[in-house]
Amino acid sequence: MGPLDLFALVILVVMVGLAAAVWALLALLPGRIAKQRGHAQAEAINVCGWWGAITLGLLLPVAWIWAFTKPATESSMDDVRAVTNPDDHDVMTEEQTLT
């Protein structure tokens, strides 16, 4: 084994180590970003990020997008319920609209 072969082996080991570090960083970051932003589902995003890394990137875009979305608050859910549940609101009858 000559010096050029050893140099190539060292470069190969460094590249494999660098690829593993990037893989772990891409899996780790969505969960950390979600925790930093105070996301309600931060742990689920963390799990999704690691599963995305295990599945070679299949779920990683989902984890990244999910980490940057704003979680629904209770007041915003009241607005959704008001739109989807019209029975909760007072419905004007035809007599009320004529007067």
PDB file of N, CA and C in Angstrom:
ATOM      1  N   MET A   1       0.848  -1.169   0.000  1.00  0.00           N
ATOM      2  CA  MET A   1       0.000   0.000   0.000  1.00  0.00           C
ATOM      3  C   MET A   1       0.894   1.233   0.000  1.00  0.00           C
ATOM      4  N   GLY A   2       0.733   2.017  -1.021  1.00  0.00           N
ATOM      5  CA  GLY A   2       1.566   3.200  -1.164  1.00  0.00           C
ATOM      6  C   GLY A   2       0.967   4.404  -0.463  1.00  0.00           C
ATOM      7  N   PRO A   3       1.695   5.508  -0.485  1.00  0.00           N
ATOM      8  CA  PRO A   3       1.217   6.722   0.186  1.00  0.00           C
ATOM      9  C   PRO A   3      -0.057   7.280  -0.456  1.00  0.00           C
ATOM     10  N   LEU A   4      -0.203   7.110  -1.742  1.00  0.00           N
ATOM     11  CA  LEU A   4      -1.407   7.609  -2.415  1.00  0.00           C
ATOM     12  C   LEU A   4      -2.641   6.799  -1.991  1.00  0.00           C
ATOM     13  N   ASP A   5      -2.469   5.498  -1.799  1.00  0.00           N
ATOM     14  CA  ASP A   5      -3.559   4.655  -1.315  1.00  0.00           C
ATOM     15  C   ASP A   5      -3.970   5.038   0.108  1.00  0.00           C
ATOM     16  N   LEU A   6      -3.001   5.324   0.953  1.00  0.00           N
ATOM     17  CA  LEU A   6      -3.308   5.751   2.322  1.00  0.00           C
ATOM     18  C   LEU A   6      -4.035   7.093   2.337  1.00  0.00           C
ATOM     19  N   PHE A   7      -3.588   7.989   1.469  1.00  0.00           N
ATOM     20  CA  PHE A   7      -4.248   9.294   1.367  1.00  0.00           C
ATOM     21  C   PHE A   7      -5.698   9.126   0.919  1.00  0.00           C
ATOM     22  N   ALA A   8      -5.927   8.271  -0.054  1.00  0.00           N
ATOM     23  CA  ALA A   8      -7.293   8.017  -0.529  1.00  0.00           C
ATOM     24  C   ALA A   8      -8.142   7.380   0.566  1.00  0.00           C
ATOM     25  N   LEU A   9      -7.569   6.490   1.351  1.00  0.00           N
ATOM     26  CA  LEU A   9      -8.288   5.855   2.448  1.00  0.00           C
ATOM     27  C   LEU A   9      -8.671   6.879   3.520  1.00  0.00           C
ATOM     28  N   VAL A  10      -7.753   7.783   3.836  1.00  0.00           N
ATOM     29  CA  VAL A  10      -8.048   8.826   4.818  1.00  0.00           C
ATOM     30  C   VAL A  10      -9.165   9.735   4.309  1.00  0.00           C
ATOM     31  N   ILE A  11      -9.100  10.116   3.060  1.00  0.00           N
ATOM     32  CA  ILE A  11     -10.149  10.956   2.462  1.00  0.00           C
ATOM     33  C   ILE A  11     -11.491  10.225   2.497  1.00  0.00           C
ATOM     34  N   LEU A  12     -11.498   8.938   2.194  1.00  0.00           N
ATOM     35  CA  LEU A  12     -12.732   8.152   2.221  1.00  0.00           C
ATOM     36  C   LEU A  12     -13.323   8.098   3.627  1.00  0.00           C
ATOM     37  N   VAL A  13     -12.490   7.873   4.629  1.00  0.00           N
ATOM     38  CA  VAL A  13     -12.970   7.815   6.013  1.00  0.00           C
ATOM     39  C   VAL A  13     -13.523   9.174   6.441  1.00  0.00           C
ATOM     40  N   VAL A  14     -12.859  10.252   6.064  1.00  0.00           N
ATOM     41  CA  VAL A  14     -13.333  11.598   6.401  1.00  0.00           C
ATOM     42  C   VAL A  14     -14.667  11.877   5.716  1.00  0.00           C
ATOM     43  N   MET A  15     -14.814  11.488   4.477  1.00  0.00           N
ATOM     44  CA  MET A  15     -16.064  11.724   3.747  1.00  0.00           C
ATOM     45  C   MET A  15     -17.220  10.922   4.349  1.00  0.00           C
ATOM     46  N   VAL A  16     -16.983   9.684   4.739  1.00  0.00           N
ATOM     47  CA  VAL A  16     -18.022   8.872   5.368  1.00  0.00           C
ATOM     48  C   VAL A  16     -18.419   9.483   6.713  1.00  0.00           C
ATOM     49  N   GLY A  17     -17.441   9.922   7.489  1.00  0.00           N
ATOM     50  CA  GLY A  17     -17.737  10.571   8.767  1.00  0.00           C
ATOM     51  C   GLY A  17     -18.513  11.865   8.581  1.00  0.00           C
ATOM     52  N   LEU A  18     -18.155  12.642   7.583  1.00  0.00           N
ATOM     53  CA  LEU A  18     -18.856  13.884   7.299  1.00  0.00           C
ATOM     54  C   LEU A  18     -20.293  13.614   6.850  1.00  0.00           C
ATOM     55  N   ALA A  19     -20.486  12.597   6.030  1.00  0.00           N
ATOM     56  CA  ALA A  19     -21.836  12.237   5.588  1.00  0.00           C
ATOM     57  C   ALA A  19     -22.690  11.794   6.773  1.00  0.00           C
ATOM     58  N   ALA A  20     -22.119  11.033   7.700  1.00  0.00           N
ATOM     59  CA  ALA A  20     -22.859  10.602   8.887  1.00  0.00           C
ATOM     60  C   ALA A  20     -23.217  11.802   9.771  1.00  0.00           C
ATOM     61  N   ALA A  21     -22.319  12.770   9.885  1.00  0.00           N
ATOM     62  CA  ALA A  21     -22.592  13.955  10.695  1.00  0.00           C
ATOM     63  C   ALA A  21     -23.709  14.795  10.073  1.00  0.00           C
ATOM     64  N   VAL A  22     -23.690  14.954   8.764  1.00  0.00           N
ATOM     65  CA  VAL A  22     -24.745  15.712   8.079  1.00  0.00           C
ATOM     66  C   VAL A  22     -26.075  14.988   8.214  1.00  0.00           C
ATOM     67  N   TRP A  23     -26.064  13.657   8.095  1.00  0.00           N
ATOM     68  CA  TRP A  23     -27.279  12.855   8.247  1.00  0.00           C
ATOM     69  C   TRP A  23     -27.885  13.072   9.634  1.00  0.00           C
ATOM     70  N   ALA A  24     -27.051  13.009  10.664  1.00  0.00           N
ATOM     71  CA  ALA A  24     -27.536  13.190  12.035  1.00  0.00           C
ATOM     72  C   ALA A  24     -28.020  14.624  12.267  1.00  0.00           C
ATOM     73  N   LEU A  25     -27.350  15.592  11.697  1.00  0.00           N
ATOM     74  CA  LEU A  25     -27.747  16.985  11.859  1.00  0.00           C
ATOM     75  C   LEU A  25     -29.095  17.255  11.204  1.00  0.00           C
ATOM     76  N   LEU A  26     -29.303  16.703  10.018  1.00  0.00           N
ATOM     77  CA  LEU A  26     -30.586  16.883   9.340  1.00  0.00           C
ATOM     78  C   LEU A  26     -31.727  16.221  10.109  1.00  0.00           C
ATOM     79  N   ALA A  27     -31.443  15.135  10.792  1.00  0.00           N
ATOM     80  CA  ALA A  27     -32.477  14.458  11.583  1.00  0.00           C
ATOM     81  C   ALA A  27     -32.742  15.185  12.895  1.00  0.00           C
ATOM     82  N   LEU A  28     -31.746  15.812  13.449  1.00  0.00           N
ATOM     83  CA  LEU A  28     -31.835  16.441  14.759  1.00  0.00           C
ATOM     84  C   LEU A  28     -32.468  17.837  14.705  1.00  0.00           C
ATOM     85  N   LEU A  29     -32.215  18.576  13.650  1.00  0.00           N
ATOM     86  CA  LEU A  29     -32.622  19.978  13.609  1.00  0.00           C
ATOM     87  C   LEU A  29     -34.126  20.244  13.650  1.00  0.00           C
ATOM     88  N   PRO A  30     -34.990  19.497  12.961  1.00  0.00           N
ATOM     89  CA  PRO A  30     -36.426  19.845  13.054  1.00  0.00           C
ATOM     90  C   PRO A  30     -36.962  19.811  14.476  1.00  0.00           C
ATOM     91  N   GLY A  31     -36.558  18.827  15.253  1.00  0.00           N
ATOM     92  CA  GLY A  31     -37.018  18.755  16.646  1.00  0.00           C
ATOM     93  C   GLY A  31     -36.502  19.906  17.483  1.00  0.00           C
ATOM     94  N   ARG A  32     -35.251  20.259  17.287  1.00  0.00           N
ATOM     95  CA  ARG A  32     -34.680  21.383  18.044  1.00  0.00           C
ATOM     96  C   ARG A  32     -35.335  22.709  17.662  1.00  0.00           C
ATOM     97  N   ILE A  33     -35.604  22.893  16.379  1.00  0.00           N
ATOM     98  CA  ILE A  33     -36.254  24.120  15.929  1.00  0.00           C
ATOM     99  C   ILE A  33     -37.651  24.211  16.522  1.00  0.00           C
ATOM    100  N   ALA A  34     -38.373  23.089  16.523  1.00  0.00           N
ATOM    101  CA  ALA A  34     -39.726  23.088  17.079  1.00  0.00           C
ATOM    102  C   ALA A  34     -39.711  23.397  18.577  1.00  0.00           C
ATOM    103  N   LYS A  35     -38.770  22.835  19.310  1.00  0.00           N
ATOM    104  CA  LYS A  35     -38.667  23.120  20.750  1.00  0.00           C
ATOM    105  C   LYS A  35     -38.332  24.580  20.989  1.00  0.00           C
ATOM    106  N   GLN A  36     -37.438  25.125  20.176  1.00  0.00           N
ATOM    107  CA  GLN A  36     -37.039  26.518  20.325  1.00  0.00           C
ATOM    108  C   GLN A  36     -38.205  27.461  20.032  1.00  0.00           C
ATOM    109  N   ARG A  37     -39.048  27.089  19.091  1.00  0.00           N
ATOM    110  CA  ARG A  37     -40.191  27.925  18.732  1.00  0.00           C
ATOM    111  C   ARG A  37     -41.396  27.687  19.640  1.00  0.00           C
ATOM    112  N   GLY A  38     -41.272  26.744  20.582  1.00  0.00           N
ATOM    113  CA  GLY A  38     -42.365  26.475  21.513  1.00  0.00           C
ATOM    114  C   GLY A  38     -43.523  25.734  20.871  1.00  0.00           C
ATOM    115  N   HIS A  39     -43.242  24.903  19.915  1.00  0.00           N
ATOM    116  CA  HIS A  39     -44.283  24.156  19.213  1.00  0.00           C
ATOM    117  C   HIS A  39     -44.903  23.126  20.145  1.00  0.00           C
ATOM    118  N   ALA A  40     -46.211  22.973  20.066  1.00  0.00           N
ATOM    119  CA  ALA A  40     -46.914  22.046  20.952  1.00  0.00           C
ATOM    120  C   ALA A  40     -46.565  20.587  20.653  1.00  0.00           C
ATOM    121  N   GLN A  41     -46.233  20.273  19.416  1.00  0.00           N
ATOM    122  CA  GLN A  41     -45.905  18.893  19.038  1.00  0.00           C
ATOM    123  C   GLN A  41     -44.416  18.725  18.779  1.00  0.00           C
ATOM    124  N   ALA A  42     -43.582  19.335  19.587  1.00  0.00           N
ATOM    125  CA  ALA A  42     -42.135  19.303  19.357  1.00  0.00           C
ATOM    126  C   ALA A  42     -41.571  17.890  19.432  1.00  0.00           C
ATOM    127  N   GLU A  43     -42.057  17.090  20.355  1.00  0.00           N
ATOM    128  CA  GLU A  43     -41.552  15.717  20.469  1.00  0.00           C
ATOM    129  C   GLU A  43     -41.940  14.886  19.252  1.00  0.00           C
ATOM    130  N   ALA A  44     -43.146  15.068  18.750  1.00  0.00           N
ATOM    131  CA  ALA A  44     -43.575  14.342  17.552  1.00  0.00           C
ATOM    132  C   ALA A  44     -42.756  14.759  16.340  1.00  0.00           C
ATOM    133  N   ILE A  45     -42.413  16.031  16.265  1.00  0.00           N
ATOM    134  CA  ILE A  45     -41.578  16.514  15.168  1.00  0.00           C
ATOM    135  C   ILE A  45     -40.185  15.918  15.273  1.00  0.00           C
ATOM    136  N   ASN A  46     -39.682  15.802  16.491  1.00  0.00           N
ATOM    137  CA  ASN A  46     -38.374  15.188  16.706  1.00  0.00           C
ATOM    138  C   ASN A  46     -38.378  13.742  16.220  1.00  0.00           C
ATOM    139  N   VAL A  47     -39.404  12.998  16.579  1.00  0.00           N
ATOM    140  CA  VAL A  47     -39.514  11.603  16.139  1.00  0.00           C
ATOM    141  C   VAL A  47     -39.640  11.524  14.625  1.00  0.00           C
ATOM    142  N   CYS A  48     -40.425  12.418  14.054  1.00  0.00           N
ATOM    143  CA  CYS A  48     -40.593  12.440  12.594  1.00  0.00           C
ATOM    144  C   CYS A  48     -39.265  12.730  11.902  1.00  0.00           C
ATOM    145  N   GLY A  49     -38.466  13.609  12.475  1.00  0.00           N
ATOM    146  CA  GLY A  49     -37.155  13.909  11.901  1.00  0.00           C
ATOM    147  C   GLY A  49     -36.235  12.701  11.912  1.00  0.00           C
ATOM    148  N   TRP A  50     -36.211  11.964  13.027  1.00  0.00           N
ATOM    149  CA  TRP A  50     -35.356  10.776  13.098  1.00  0.00           C
ATOM    150  C   TRP A  50     -35.866   9.672  12.191  1.00  0.00           C
ATOM    151  N   TRP A  51     -37.189   9.496  12.125  1.00  0.00           N
ATOM    152  CA  TRP A  51     -37.715   8.499  11.188  1.00  0.00           C
ATOM    153  C   TRP A  51     -37.445   8.908   9.751  1.00  0.00           C
ATOM    154  N   GLY A  52     -37.446  10.204   9.491  1.00  0.00           N
ATOM    155  CA  GLY A  52     -37.098  10.679   8.156  1.00  0.00           C
ATOM    156  C   GLY A  52     -35.663  10.341   7.795  1.00  0.00           C
ATOM    157  N   ALA A  53     -34.778  10.415   8.770  1.00  0.00           N
ATOM    158  CA  ALA A  53     -33.383  10.056   8.516  1.00  0.00           C
ATOM    159  C   ALA A  53     -33.239   8.549   8.322  1.00  0.00           C
ATOM    160  N   ILE A  54     -33.995   7.784   9.110  1.00  0.00           N
ATOM    161  CA  ILE A  54     -33.923   6.327   8.981  1.00  0.00           C
ATOM    162  C   ILE A  54     -34.462   5.878   7.628  1.00  0.00           C
ATOM    163  N   THR A  55     -35.511   6.530   7.147  1.00  0.00           N
ATOM    164  CA  THR A  55     -36.094   6.175   5.848  1.00  0.00           C
ATOM    165  C   THR A  55     -35.406   6.893   4.695  1.00  0.00           C
ATOM    166  N   LEU A  56     -34.223   7.402   4.951  1.00  0.00           N
ATOM    167  CA  LEU A  56     -33.390   8.055   3.930  1.00  0.00           C
ATOM    168  C   LEU A  56     -34.071   9.260   3.285  1.00  0.00           C
ATOM    169  N   GLY A  57     -34.720  10.072   4.110  1.00  0.00           N
ATOM    170  CA  GLY A  57     -35.243  11.343   3.642  1.00  0.00           C
ATOM    171  C   GLY A  57     -36.701  11.356   3.280  1.00  0.00           C
ATOM    172  N   LEU A  58     -37.409  10.250   3.474  1.00  0.00           N
ATOM    173  CA  LEU A  58     -38.810  10.207   3.089  1.00  0.00           C
ATOM    174  C   LEU A  58     -39.664  11.154   3.924  1.00  0.00           C
ATOM    175  N   LEU A  59     -39.445  11.198   5.229  1.00  0.00           N
ATOM    176  CA  LEU A  59     -40.236  12.041   6.115  1.00  0.00           C
ATOM    177  C   LEU A  59     -39.545  13.343   6.507  1.00  0.00           C
ATOM    178  N   LEU A  60     -38.321  13.536   6.076  1.00  0.00           N
ATOM    179  CA  LEU A  60     -37.605  14.757   6.469  1.00  0.00           C
ATOM    180  C   LEU A  60     -38.288  16.038   5.996  1.00  0.00           C
ATOM    181  N   PRO A  61     -38.778  16.113   4.768  1.00  0.00           N
ATOM    182  CA  PRO A  61     -39.482  17.354   4.392  1.00  0.00           C
ATOM    183  C   PRO A  61     -40.714  17.614   5.245  1.00  0.00           C
ATOM    184  N   VAL A  62     -41.413  16.562   5.625  1.00  0.00           N
ATOM    185  CA  VAL A  62     -42.586  16.727   6.492  1.00  0.00           C
ATOM    186  C   VAL A  62     -42.157  17.294   7.845  1.00  0.00           C
ATOM    187  N   ALA A  63     -41.084  16.759   8.403  1.00  0.00           N
ATOM    188  CA  ALA A  63     -40.608  17.228   9.702  1.00  0.00           C
ATOM    189  C   ALA A  63     -40.158  18.680   9.635  1.00  0.00           C
ATOM    190  N   TRP A  64     -39.462  19.049   8.577  1.00  0.00           N
ATOM    191  CA  TRP A  64     -38.987  20.434   8.445  1.00  0.00           C
ATOM    192  C   TRP A  64     -40.154  21.404   8.299  1.00  0.00           C
ATOM    193  N   ILE A  65     -41.122  21.081   7.464  1.00  0.00           N
ATOM    194  CA  ILE A  65     -42.271  21.968   7.280  1.00  0.00           C
ATOM    195  C   ILE A  65     -43.082  22.050   8.565  1.00  0.00           C
ATOM    196  N   TRP A  66     -43.278  20.918   9.225  1.00  0.00           N
ATOM    197  CA  TRP A  66     -44.041  20.861  10.464  1.00  0.00           C
ATOM    198  C   TRP A  66     -43.368  21.682  11.562  1.00  0.00           C
ATOM    199  N   ALA A  67     -42.047  21.696  11.587  1.00  0.00           N
ATOM    200  CA  ALA A  67     -41.327  22.448  12.613  1.00  0.00           C
ATOM    201  C   ALA A  67     -41.524  23.952  12.460  1.00  0.00           C
ATOM    202  N   PHE A  68     -41.755  24.407  11.241  1.00  0.00           N
ATOM    203  CA  PHE A  68     -41.882  25.842  11.014  1.00  0.00           C
ATOM    204  C   PHE A  68     -43.331  26.322  10.969  1.00  0.00           C
ATOM    205  N   THR A  69     -44.296  25.416  11.049  1.00  0.00           N
ATOM    206  CA  THR A  69     -45.688  25.844  11.049  1.00  0.00           C
ATOM    207  C   THR A  69     -46.087  26.293  12.445  1.00  0.00           C
ATOM    208  N   LYS A  70     -47.064  27.169  12.495  1.00  0.00           N
ATOM    209  CA  LYS A  70     -47.549  27.669  13.782  1.00  0.00           C
ATOM    210  C   LYS A  70     -48.625  26.715  14.279  1.00  0.00           C
ATOM    211  N   PRO A  71     -48.492  26.210  15.500  1.00  0.00           N
ATOM    212  CA  PRO A  71     -49.512  25.292  16.004  1.00  0.00           C
ATOM    213  C   PRO A  71     -50.833  26.014  16.249  1.00  0.00           C
ATOM    214  N   ALA A  72     -51.913  25.288  16.106  1.00  0.00           N
ATOM    215  CA  ALA A  72     -53.236  25.871  16.322  1.00  0.00           C
ATOM    216  C   ALA A  72     -53.433  26.153  17.803  1.00  0.00           C
ATOM    217  N   THR A  73     -53.933  27.324  18.099  1.00  0.00           N
ATOM    218  CA  THR A  73     -54.240  27.675  19.482  1.00  0.00           C
ATOM    219  C   THR A  73     -55.723  27.452  19.739  1.00  0.00           C
ATOM    220  N   GLU A  74     -56.120  27.535  20.970  1.00  0.00           N
ATOM    221  CA  GLU A  74     -57.516  27.297  21.312  1.00  0.00           C
ATOM    222  C   GLU A  74     -58.427  28.350  20.692  1.00  0.00           C
ATOM    223  N   SER A  75     -57.966  29.611  20.635  1.00  0.00           N
ATOM    224  CA  SER A  75     -58.812  30.660  20.059  1.00  0.00           C
ATOM    225  C   SER A  75     -58.979  30.477  18.556  1.00  0.00           C
ATOM    226  N   SER A  76     -57.932  30.000  17.876  1.00  0.00           N
ATOM    227  CA  SER A  76     -58.080  29.770  16.444  1.00  0.00           C
ATOM    228  C   SER A  76     -58.965  28.564  16.183  1.00  0.00           C
ATOM    229  N   MET A  77     -58.969  27.599  17.110  1.00  0.00           N
ATOM    230  CA  MET A  77     -59.856  26.451  16.957  1.00  0.00           C
ATOM    231  C   MET A  77     -61.308  26.857  17.165  1.00  0.00           C
ATOM    232  N   ASP A  78     -61.569  27.881  17.989  1.00  0.00           N
ATOM    233  CA  ASP A  78     -62.940  28.375  18.152  1.00  0.00           C
ATOM    234  C   ASP A  78     -63.458  28.942  16.843  1.00  0.00           C
ATOM    235  N   ASP A  79     -62.587  29.627  16.092  1.00  0.00           N
ATOM    236  CA  ASP A  79     -62.987  30.152  14.788  1.00  0.00           C
ATOM    237  C   ASP A  79     -63.332  29.019  13.830  1.00  0.00           C
ATOM    238  N   VAL A  80     -62.551  27.952  13.876  1.00  0.00           N
ATOM    239  CA  VAL A  80     -62.814  26.813  13.002  1.00  0.00           C
ATOM    240  C   VAL A  80     -64.128  26.153  13.385  1.00  0.00           C
ATOM    241  N   ARG A  81     -64.379  26.006  14.672  1.00  0.00           N
ATOM    242  CA  ARG A  81     -65.634  25.402  15.118  1.00  0.00           C
ATOM    243  C   ARG A  81     -66.833  26.258  14.728  1.00  0.00           C
ATOM    244  N   ALA A  82     -66.664  27.574  14.758  1.00  0.00           N
ATOM    245  CA  ALA A  82     -67.756  28.464  14.395  1.00  0.00           C
ATOM    246  C   ALA A  82     -68.122  28.315  12.921  1.00  0.00           C
ATOM    247  N   VAL A  83     -67.151  28.101  12.079  1.00  0.00           N
ATOM    248  CA  VAL A  83     -67.419  27.949  10.653  1.00  0.00           C
ATOM    249  C   VAL A  83     -67.997  26.573  10.350  1.00  0.00           C
ATOM    250  N   THR A  84     -67.476  25.552  11.003  1.00  0.00           N
ATOM    251  CA  THR A  84     -67.913  24.196  10.690  1.00  0.00           C
ATOM    252  C   THR A  84     -69.156  23.770  11.447  1.00  0.00           C
ATOM    253  N   ASN A  85     -69.550  24.497  12.486  1.00  0.00           N
ATOM    254  CA  ASN A  85     -70.708  24.159  13.298  1.00  0.00           C
ATOM    255  C   ASN A  85     -71.697  25.318  13.319  1.00  0.00           C
ATOM    256  N   PRO A  86     -72.467  25.519  12.284  1.00  0.00           N
ATOM    257  CA  PRO A  86     -73.356  26.685  12.259  1.00  0.00           C
ATOM    258  C   PRO A  86     -74.502  26.583  13.259  1.00  0.00           C
ATOM    259  N   ASP A  87     -74.756  25.396  13.817  1.00  0.00           N
ATOM    260  CA  ASP A  87     -75.841  25.247  14.786  1.00  0.00           C
ATOM    261  C   ASP A  87     -75.555  26.000  16.074  1.00  0.00           C
ATOM    262  N   ASP A  88     -74.316  26.291  16.342  1.00  0.00           N
ATOM    263  CA  ASP A  88     -73.954  26.991  17.572  1.00  0.00           C
ATOM    264  C   ASP A  88     -74.295  28.473  17.533  1.00  0.00           C
ATOM    265  N   HIS A  89     -74.523  28.997  16.358  1.00  0.00           N
ATOM    266  CA  HIS A  89     -74.781  30.428  16.220  1.00  0.00           C
ATOM    267  C   HIS A  89     -76.280  30.683  16.063  1.00  0.00           C
ATOM    268  N   ASP A  90     -76.662  31.890  16.391  1.00  0.00           N
ATOM    269  CA  ASP A  90     -78.056  32.273  16.203  1.00  0.00           C
ATOM    270  C   ASP A  90     -78.310  32.452  14.711  1.00  0.00           C
ATOM    271  N   VAL A  91     -79.285  31.737  14.236  1.00  0.00           N
ATOM    272  CA  VAL A  91     -79.645  31.834  12.823  1.00  0.00           C
ATOM    273  C   VAL A  91     -80.868  32.735  12.748  1.00  0.00           C
ATOM    274  N   MET A  92     -80.777  33.749  11.915  1.00  0.00           N
ATOM    275  CA  MET A  92     -81.898  34.674  11.773  1.00  0.00           C
ATOM    276  C   MET A  92     -82.996  34.014  10.946  1.00  0.00           C
ATOM    277  N   THR A  93     -84.185  34.130  11.440  1.00  0.00           N
ATOM    278  CA  THR A  93     -85.315  33.582  10.690  1.00  0.00           C
ATOM    279  C   THR A  93     -85.751  34.584   9.635  1.00  0.00           C
ATOM    280  N   GLU A  94     -86.682  34.165   8.786  1.00  0.00           N
ATOM    281  CA  GLU A  94     -87.152  35.046   7.717  1.00  0.00           C
ATOM    282  C   GLU A  94     -87.915  36.224   8.285  1.00  0.00           C
ATOM    283  N   GLU A  95     -88.638  36.033   9.379  1.00  0.00           N
ATOM    284  CA  GLU A  95     -89.373  37.137   9.996  1.00  0.00           C
ATOM    285  C   GLU A  95     -88.443  38.200  10.574  1.00  0.00           C
ATOM    286  N   GLN A  96     -87.298  37.751  11.116  1.00  0.00           N
ATOM    287  CA  GLN A  96     -86.355  38.689  11.689  1.00  0.00           C
ATOM    288  C   GLN A  96     -85.683  39.520  10.613  1.00  0.00           C
ATOM    289  N   THR A  97     -85.477  38.967   9.442  1.00  0.00           N
ATOM    290  CA  THR A  97     -84.820  39.724   8.377  1.00  0.00           C
ATOM    291  C   THR A  97     -85.761  40.756   7.774  1.00  0.00           C
ATOM    292  N   LEU A  98     -87.088  40.524   7.831  1.00  0.00           N
ATOM    293  CA  LEU A  98     -88.040  41.459   7.244  1.00  0.00           C
ATOM    294  C   LEU A  98     -88.259  42.665   8.133  1.00  0.00           C
ATOM    295  N   THR A  99     -88.039  42.553   9.412  1.00  0.00           N
ATOM    296  CA  THR A  99     -88.297  43.679  10.308  1.00  0.00           C
ATOM    297  C   THR A  99     -87.094  44.552  10.460  1.00  0.00           C
TER     298      THR A  99
END
